[in-house]
Amino acid sequence: MPSYVIGDVHGCLDGIFSLLEAIEYNPKNDYLYFLGDLVNKGPDSIGVLSWIMKQKNCKSVIGNHDLFLIHSIVNQTSNPSDTTKSFLTKTDAIDWLCQQPFIIEHQNTLMCHAGIHPKWTDQNISDIVKEQMTFITAEQLKRFYHQPRWQLKAMYNDPLFIMAVLTEMRFLDPINFTLSQGTNDNDPLDQERIAWFDVKSMNHTKKDILFGHWAKLSTVKNHHTTCLDGGFVYGGTLLCQRLDDGKIFKIKHPKQRNV
């Protein structure tokens, strides 16, 4: 059964369909993994979730936009976004999102939205996989969004820090390995922060890590990690990797096709 890993979709249902055509998707035999951020920014977040939910061989990790949507709905936040408003009556979609994991293990591959903390041990990762379905509660999400995530201490068994790593991590403090602010590409001259995949010493067994979340990295490979966020919603590319042989598929945004 061929397996495909797809980067950040952000509500672009047409992009999914174009990609499925390119990989000659067979719903009876193929398995699809999405790397989170299924919703927001694009034109059809409900359409994306509705289509994915109908597929038998399909799973997604939770991204930061997915997690914030869940929080906005379950905690009835003030001034909801247009995306949140569109999901107020789609309780089945929110229930489905809540049932998705933060990490997916597949043979020698780990899939997540933002990345795997280099100082987590194999036991840390195993515990997260076992406990991840208990992380999302209304009260815990309130606490999670109560403060900036880079202010969280690097406590590797803390669900709040775990969710922050798996959905929002880009840079780390090179001394204490807490999350650092920053959305731009890594600057090797910056001594105060380091991209998580550039930390040389890992505490966990080296595995292939597929992640999204960082559109400016695109398909840049760093050591044992690959970013599959091609910034499709911004006019970039929708990226996909076939796990069986590592082949990368790219779908250009319509804006590029018309140039």
Protein backbone atom coordinates (compact mmCIF):
# COMPACT_ATOMS: atom_id res chain seq x y z
CA MET A 1 0.00 0.00 0.00
CA PRO A 2 1.80 3.20 -1.16
CA SER A 3 1.87 5.95 1.48
CA TYR A 4 2.08 9.68 0.76
CA VAL A 5 2.86 12.52 3.18
CA ILE A 6 1.36 15.90 2.25
CA GLY A 7 2.45 19.31 3.55
CA ASP A 8 0.40 22.25 4.80
CA VAL A 9 -2.89 22.53 2.89
CA HIS A 10 -4.44 25.59 4.61
CA GLY A 11 -7.94 25.21 3.20
CA CYS A 12 -6.86 24.70 -0.43
CA LEU A 13 -9.08 21.80 -1.53
CA ASP A 14 -8.32 22.34 -5.23
CA GLY A 15 -4.64 21.94 -4.43
CA ILE A 16 -5.32 18.55 -2.86
CA PHE A 17 -7.23 17.40 -5.92
CA SER A 18 -4.44 18.55 -8.26
CA LEU A 19 -1.89 16.70 -6.16
CA LEU A 20 -3.96 13.51 -6.07
CA GLU A 21 -4.14 13.62 -9.85
CA ALA A 22 -0.36 13.99 -10.05
CA ILE A 23 0.33 10.99 -7.80
CA GLU A 24 -2.44 8.98 -9.49
CA TYR A 25 -4.12 8.48 -6.14
CA ASN A 26 -5.97 5.21 -5.67
CA PRO A 27 -8.29 5.47 -2.62
CA LYS A 28 -8.50 1.68 -2.40
CA ASN A 29 -4.75 1.10 -2.16
CA ASP A 30 -3.03 4.36 -1.17
CA TYR A 31 -2.64 5.91 2.28
CA LEU A 32 -2.47 9.66 2.86
CA TYR A 33 -0.83 11.43 5.79
CA PHE A 34 -1.25 15.18 6.21
CA LEU A 35 1.23 17.26 8.22
CA GLY A 36 -1.34 19.55 9.81
CA ASP A 37 -2.59 23.09 9.22
CA LEU A 38 -5.49 21.75 7.22
CA VAL A 39 -7.48 24.91 7.89
CA ASN A 40 -7.28 28.70 7.76
CA LYS A 41 -5.91 31.20 5.22
CA GLY A 42 -7.22 29.30 2.17
CA PRO A 43 -10.69 29.44 0.59
CA ASP A 44 -12.28 26.14 1.67
CA SER A 45 -11.28 24.87 5.12
CA ILE A 46 -14.61 23.11 5.60
CA GLY A 47 -14.25 21.43 2.20
CA VAL A 48 -10.78 20.17 3.10
CA LEU A 49 -11.89 18.63 6.39
CA SER A 50 -15.10 17.23 4.91
CA TRP A 51 -13.18 15.47 2.13
CA ILE A 52 -10.44 14.10 4.40
CA MET A 53 -12.96 12.83 6.94
CA LYS A 54 -14.63 10.72 4.24
CA GLN A 55 -11.41 8.93 3.29
CA LYS A 56 -10.80 5.53 4.85
CA ASN A 57 -7.03 5.55 4.39
CA CYS A 58 -6.22 9.03 5.65
CA LYS A 59 -4.86 10.61 8.83
CA SER A 60 -3.44 13.99 9.83
CA VAL A 61 -1.33 15.38 12.63
CA ILE A 62 -2.53 18.54 14.36
CA GLY A 63 -0.98 21.84 13.31
CA ASN A 64 -0.99 25.18 15.10
CA HIS A 65 -3.88 26.51 13.00
CA ASP A 66 -5.90 23.35 13.64
CA LEU A 67 -5.21 23.57 17.38
CA PHE A 68 -6.23 27.21 17.57
CA LEU A 69 -9.46 26.45 15.72
CA ILE A 70 -10.27 23.75 18.28
CA HIS A 71 -9.52 26.17 21.12
CA SER A 72 -11.66 28.90 19.54
CA ILE A 73 -14.64 26.57 19.25
CA VAL A 74 -14.49 24.65 22.54
CA ASN A 75 -13.69 27.74 24.60
CA GLN A 76 -15.99 30.06 22.62
CA THR A 77 -13.34 32.76 22.28
CA SER A 78 -14.34 36.36 21.65
CA ASN A 79 -13.96 37.94 18.21
CA PRO A 80 -13.82 34.62 16.33
CA SER A 81 -12.17 34.55 12.93
CA ASP A 82 -14.14 33.88 9.74
CA THR A 83 -12.77 30.33 9.73
CA THR A 84 -13.95 29.76 13.29
CA LYS A 85 -17.39 31.15 12.48
CA SER A 86 -17.71 28.76 9.54
CA PHE A 87 -17.11 25.78 11.86
CA LEU A 88 -19.51 26.76 14.63
CA THR A 89 -22.12 24.30 13.35
CA LYS A 90 -19.60 21.70 12.09
CA THR A 91 -19.19 19.86 15.37
CA ASP A 92 -18.35 16.62 13.55
CA ALA A 93 -15.32 18.27 11.96
CA ILE A 94 -14.09 19.64 15.29
CA ASP A 95 -14.62 16.24 16.92
CA TRP A 96 -12.58 14.64 14.13
CA LEU A 97 -9.76 17.18 14.55
CA CYS A 98 -9.64 16.51 18.28
CA GLN A 99 -9.11 12.81 17.56
CA GLN A 100 -6.04 13.38 15.38
CA PRO A 101 -2.57 12.81 16.87
CA PHE A 102 0.35 15.22 17.27
CA ILE A 103 2.89 12.58 16.17
CA ILE A 104 2.49 9.73 13.70
CA GLU A 105 5.05 6.92 13.64
CA HIS A 106 5.48 4.93 10.44
CA GLN A 107 8.32 2.42 10.37
CA ASN A 108 11.49 4.56 10.70
CA THR A 109 9.68 7.86 10.13
CA LEU A 110 8.18 10.39 12.53
CA MET A 111 5.59 12.82 11.18
CA CYS A 112 4.55 15.99 12.98
CA HIS A 113 3.63 19.56 12.14
CA ALA A 114 6.54 21.63 13.49
CA GLY A 115 9.27 19.21 14.57
CA ILE A 116 10.67 16.81 17.18
CA HIS A 117 12.58 18.36 20.06
CA PRO A 118 16.23 17.23 19.79
CA LYS A 119 16.53 16.74 23.54
CA TRP A 120 13.58 14.39 23.83
CA THR A 121 14.59 10.81 24.51
CA ASP A 122 13.06 7.75 22.87
CA GLN A 123 11.08 7.30 26.08
CA ASN A 124 9.81 10.89 25.90
CA ILE A 125 8.58 10.32 22.34
CA SER A 126 7.01 6.98 23.26
CA ASP A 127 5.20 8.57 26.21
CA ILE A 128 3.93 11.41 24.00
CA VAL A 129 2.58 8.97 21.42
CA LYS A 130 0.77 7.04 24.17
CA GLU A 131 -0.63 10.11 25.93
CA GLN A 132 -1.18 12.56 23.05
CA MET A 133 -4.89 11.90 22.74
CA THR A 134 -5.38 13.24 26.29
CA PHE A 135 -3.67 16.60 25.70
CA ILE A 136 -6.60 18.46 24.18
CA THR A 137 -9.04 19.64 26.83
CA ALA A 138 -10.81 22.98 27.08
CA GLU A 139 -8.99 23.93 30.28
CA GLN A 140 -5.58 22.88 28.98
CA LEU A 141 -6.07 24.89 25.80
CA LYS A 142 -6.99 27.94 27.88
CA ARG A 143 -3.70 27.60 29.72
CA PHE A 144 -1.82 26.96 26.48
CA TYR A 145 -2.97 30.21 24.86
CA HIS A 146 -2.76 32.25 28.06
CA GLN A 147 0.93 33.06 27.54
CA PRO A 148 3.42 33.14 24.66
CA ARG A 149 4.65 29.63 24.05
CA TRP A 150 8.33 30.67 24.08
CA GLN A 151 7.87 31.54 27.76
CA LEU A 152 7.19 27.91 28.63
CA LYS A 153 9.97 26.09 30.46
CA ALA A 154 11.54 23.15 28.63
CA MET A 155 9.78 20.49 30.67
CA TYR A 156 9.71 17.45 28.42
CA ASN A 157 6.76 15.81 30.20
CA ASP A 158 4.60 18.96 30.25
CA PRO A 159 1.65 18.70 27.80
CA LEU A 160 1.76 22.46 27.17
CA PHE A 161 5.43 22.42 26.21
CA ILE A 162 4.89 19.26 24.14
CA MET A 163 2.03 20.85 22.19
CA ALA A 164 4.09 24.00 21.65
CA VAL A 165 7.01 21.99 20.27
CA LEU A 166 4.92 19.84 17.97
CA THR A 167 2.78 22.65 16.57
CA GLU A 168 4.85 25.86 16.76
CA MET A 169 8.58 25.14 17.17
CA ARG A 170 11.06 26.74 14.80
CA PHE A 171 13.95 28.15 16.81
CA LEU A 172 15.40 27.05 20.15
CA ASP A 173 17.55 28.76 22.72
CA PRO A 174 20.93 26.99 22.27
CA ILE A 175 21.57 26.96 26.03
CA ASN A 176 18.35 25.78 27.68
CA PHE A 177 16.52 24.57 24.53
CA THR A 178 13.34 26.50 25.25
CA LEU A 179 11.38 27.81 22.27
CA SER A 180 12.58 31.12 20.83
CA GLN A 181 10.68 33.67 18.83
CA GLY A 182 11.27 33.93 15.12
CA THR A 183 9.59 33.13 11.83
CA ASN A 184 12.37 33.82 9.35
CA ASP A 185 14.86 31.37 7.92
CA ASN A 186 17.68 30.39 10.23
CA ASP A 187 20.56 32.88 10.37
CA PRO A 188 23.83 31.06 11.12
CA LEU A 189 25.27 34.28 12.58
CA ASP A 190 22.54 34.50 15.21
CA GLN A 191 24.12 33.17 18.41
CA GLU A 192 20.96 33.55 20.49
CA ARG A 193 18.82 30.99 18.70
CA ILE A 194 19.19 27.90 16.55
CA ALA A 195 16.79 26.04 14.27
CA TRP A 196 15.69 22.87 16.06
CA PHE A 197 17.01 20.60 13.29
CA ASP A 198 20.49 22.19 13.53
CA VAL A 199 21.05 21.07 17.13
CA LYS A 200 23.92 18.62 16.66
CA SER A 201 23.40 16.40 19.70
CA MET A 202 20.11 14.50 19.91
CA ASN A 203 18.90 12.44 22.84
CA HIS A 204 16.61 10.26 20.73
CA THR A 205 17.43 7.63 18.13
CA LYS A 206 17.93 9.16 14.71
CA LYS A 207 14.84 8.72 12.55
CA ASP A 208 13.57 10.44 9.43
CA ILE A 209 11.41 13.39 10.48
CA LEU A 210 8.86 14.88 8.08
CA PHE A 211 7.35 18.20 9.11
CA GLY A 212 5.61 21.30 7.76
CA HIS A 213 5.03 24.70 9.41
CA TRP A 214 8.03 26.51 7.88
CA ALA A 215 7.13 27.57 4.34
CA LYS A 216 10.40 29.41 3.73
CA LEU A 217 12.31 26.14 4.16
CA SER A 218 10.25 24.37 1.50
CA THR A 219 11.92 21.02 0.69
CA VAL A 220 15.24 21.90 2.29
CA LYS A 221 16.69 18.75 3.81
CA ASN A 222 18.58 19.19 7.05
CA HIS A 223 20.40 16.11 8.27
CA HIS A 224 17.58 13.57 8.81
CA THR A 225 14.68 16.03 8.49
CA THR A 226 12.59 17.21 5.54
CA CYS A 227 10.21 20.17 5.46
CA LEU A 228 7.17 19.64 3.24
CA ASP A 229 5.59 23.07 3.63
CA GLY A 230 5.92 24.71 0.22
CA GLY A 231 3.72 27.70 1.04
CA PHE A 232 1.00 26.70 -1.41
CA VAL A 233 -1.57 29.04 0.12
CA TYR A 234 0.83 31.94 -0.44
CA GLY A 235 1.25 31.10 -4.11
CA GLY A 236 4.01 28.51 -3.66
CA THR A 237 3.85 24.75 -4.09
CA LEU A 238 1.99 21.90 -2.44
CA LEU A 239 4.57 19.28 -1.51
CA CYS A 240 4.20 15.55 -1.04
CA GLN A 241 6.65 12.72 -0.36
CA ARG A 242 6.04 9.07 -1.11
CA LEU A 243 7.32 7.09 1.84
CA ASP A 244 8.07 3.97 -0.17
CA ASP A 245 10.89 5.51 -2.20
CA GLY A 246 11.22 9.10 -0.91
CA LYS A 247 10.07 10.65 -4.20
CA ILE A 248 8.92 14.28 -3.90
CA PHE A 249 5.88 15.54 -5.82
CA LYS A 250 5.24 19.26 -6.31
CA ILE A 251 2.09 21.06 -7.41
CA LYS A 252 2.38 24.71 -8.38
CA HIS A 253 -0.20 27.20 -7.20
CA PRO A 254 -2.45 28.46 -10.06
CA LYS A 255 -0.76 31.87 -9.80
CA GLN A 256 2.51 30.23 -10.85
CA ARG A 257 0.91 28.25 -13.64
CA ASN A 258 -0.44 31.42 -15.23
CA VAL A 259 2.91 33.19 -15.28
